[in-house]
């Protein structure tokens, strides 16, 4: 994965969301990483890739989710 755009810690994983280039195909990767015994991050299993052409659809869905949750509380 090339320079992660977003990292989000969730329990024992750090999810990295960012661009990826594999065999000349550019995609958006969603991948879990874990810390080894030395504390270094290493790629885990169970991630997935999305073609860059579908990013506008993802943005639309995220916007819908955000507007449905309402204003922040607190």
Protein backbone atom coordinates (compact mmCIF):
# COMPACT_ATOMS: atom_id res chain seq x y z
CA UNK A 1 0.00 0.00 0.00
CA UNK A 2 1.26 3.48 -0.87
CA UNK A 3 1.19 6.12 1.89
CA UNK A 4 -2.00 5.48 3.89
CA UNK A 5 -4.57 8.21 3.81
CA UNK A 6 -6.38 7.21 6.99
CA UNK A 7 -5.44 5.03 9.96
CA UNK A 8 -7.97 3.92 12.54
CA UNK A 9 -7.10 1.81 15.59
CA UNK A 10 -9.62 -0.85 16.53
CA UNK A 11 -8.71 -3.17 19.36
CA UNK A 12 -5.61 -5.03 18.23
CA UNK A 13 -5.58 -3.82 14.61
CA UNK A 14 -4.76 -0.59 12.87
CA UNK A 15 -6.90 -0.24 9.77
CA UNK A 16 -5.19 1.55 6.92
CA UNK A 17 -7.21 3.00 4.09
CA UNK A 18 -5.19 4.27 1.19
CA UNK A 19 -4.14 3.94 -2.43
CA UNK A 20 -2.60 0.75 -3.74
CA UNK A 21 -0.94 -0.20 -7.01
CA UNK A 22 -0.82 -3.93 -7.79
CA UNK A 23 0.24 -5.22 -11.19
CA UNK A 24 -0.41 -1.80 -12.68
CA UNK A 25 -3.96 -1.57 -11.33
CA UNK A 26 -4.65 1.35 -9.02
CA UNK A 27 -7.12 0.64 -6.23
CA UNK A 28 -8.21 1.82 -2.81
CA UNK A 29 -7.15 -0.61 -0.10
CA UNK A 30 -8.81 -1.28 3.27
CA UNK A 31 -6.35 -3.39 5.22
CA UNK A 32 -5.83 -4.41 8.85
CA UNK A 33 -2.32 -4.20 10.28
CA UNK A 34 -1.12 -5.61 13.59
CA UNK A 35 1.80 -4.95 15.91
CA UNK A 36 4.42 -7.68 16.20
CA UNK A 37 6.26 -8.43 19.43
CA UNK A 38 8.64 -5.50 18.75
CA UNK A 39 5.71 -3.12 18.24
CA UNK A 40 6.26 -2.79 14.48
CA UNK A 41 3.18 -2.67 12.24
CA UNK A 42 2.80 -5.56 9.81
CA UNK A 43 0.04 -6.25 7.27
CA UNK A 44 -2.66 -8.63 8.45
CA UNK A 45 -5.31 -10.69 6.69
CA UNK A 46 -8.86 -9.94 5.74
CA UNK A 47 -8.57 -6.63 3.91
CA UNK A 48 -10.03 -5.78 0.55
CA UNK A 49 -9.47 -3.52 -2.43
CA UNK A 50 -11.92 -1.33 -4.31
CA UNK A 51 -11.39 -0.07 -7.87
CA UNK A 52 -10.75 3.67 -7.90
CA UNK A 53 -13.68 4.10 -10.30
CA UNK A 54 -16.05 3.23 -7.43
CA UNK A 55 -14.81 5.95 -5.07
CA UNK A 56 -17.65 8.34 -6.03
CA UNK A 57 -20.17 5.65 -4.99
CA UNK A 58 -18.36 5.19 -1.69
CA UNK A 59 -18.41 8.93 -1.05
CA UNK A 60 -22.16 9.02 -1.73
CA UNK A 61 -22.82 6.19 0.72
CA UNK A 62 -20.63 7.77 3.40
CA UNK A 63 -22.45 11.07 2.94
CA UNK A 64 -25.83 9.32 3.34
CA UNK A 65 -24.65 7.59 6.53
CA UNK A 66 -23.32 10.88 7.89
CA UNK A 67 -26.55 12.77 7.25
CA UNK A 68 -28.67 9.98 8.77
CA UNK A 69 -26.78 9.98 12.07
CA UNK A 70 -27.77 13.57 12.80
CA UNK A 71 -25.81 16.31 14.57
CA UNK A 72 -23.13 15.41 17.12
CA UNK A 73 -24.22 15.26 20.75
CA UNK A 74 -22.33 16.47 23.77
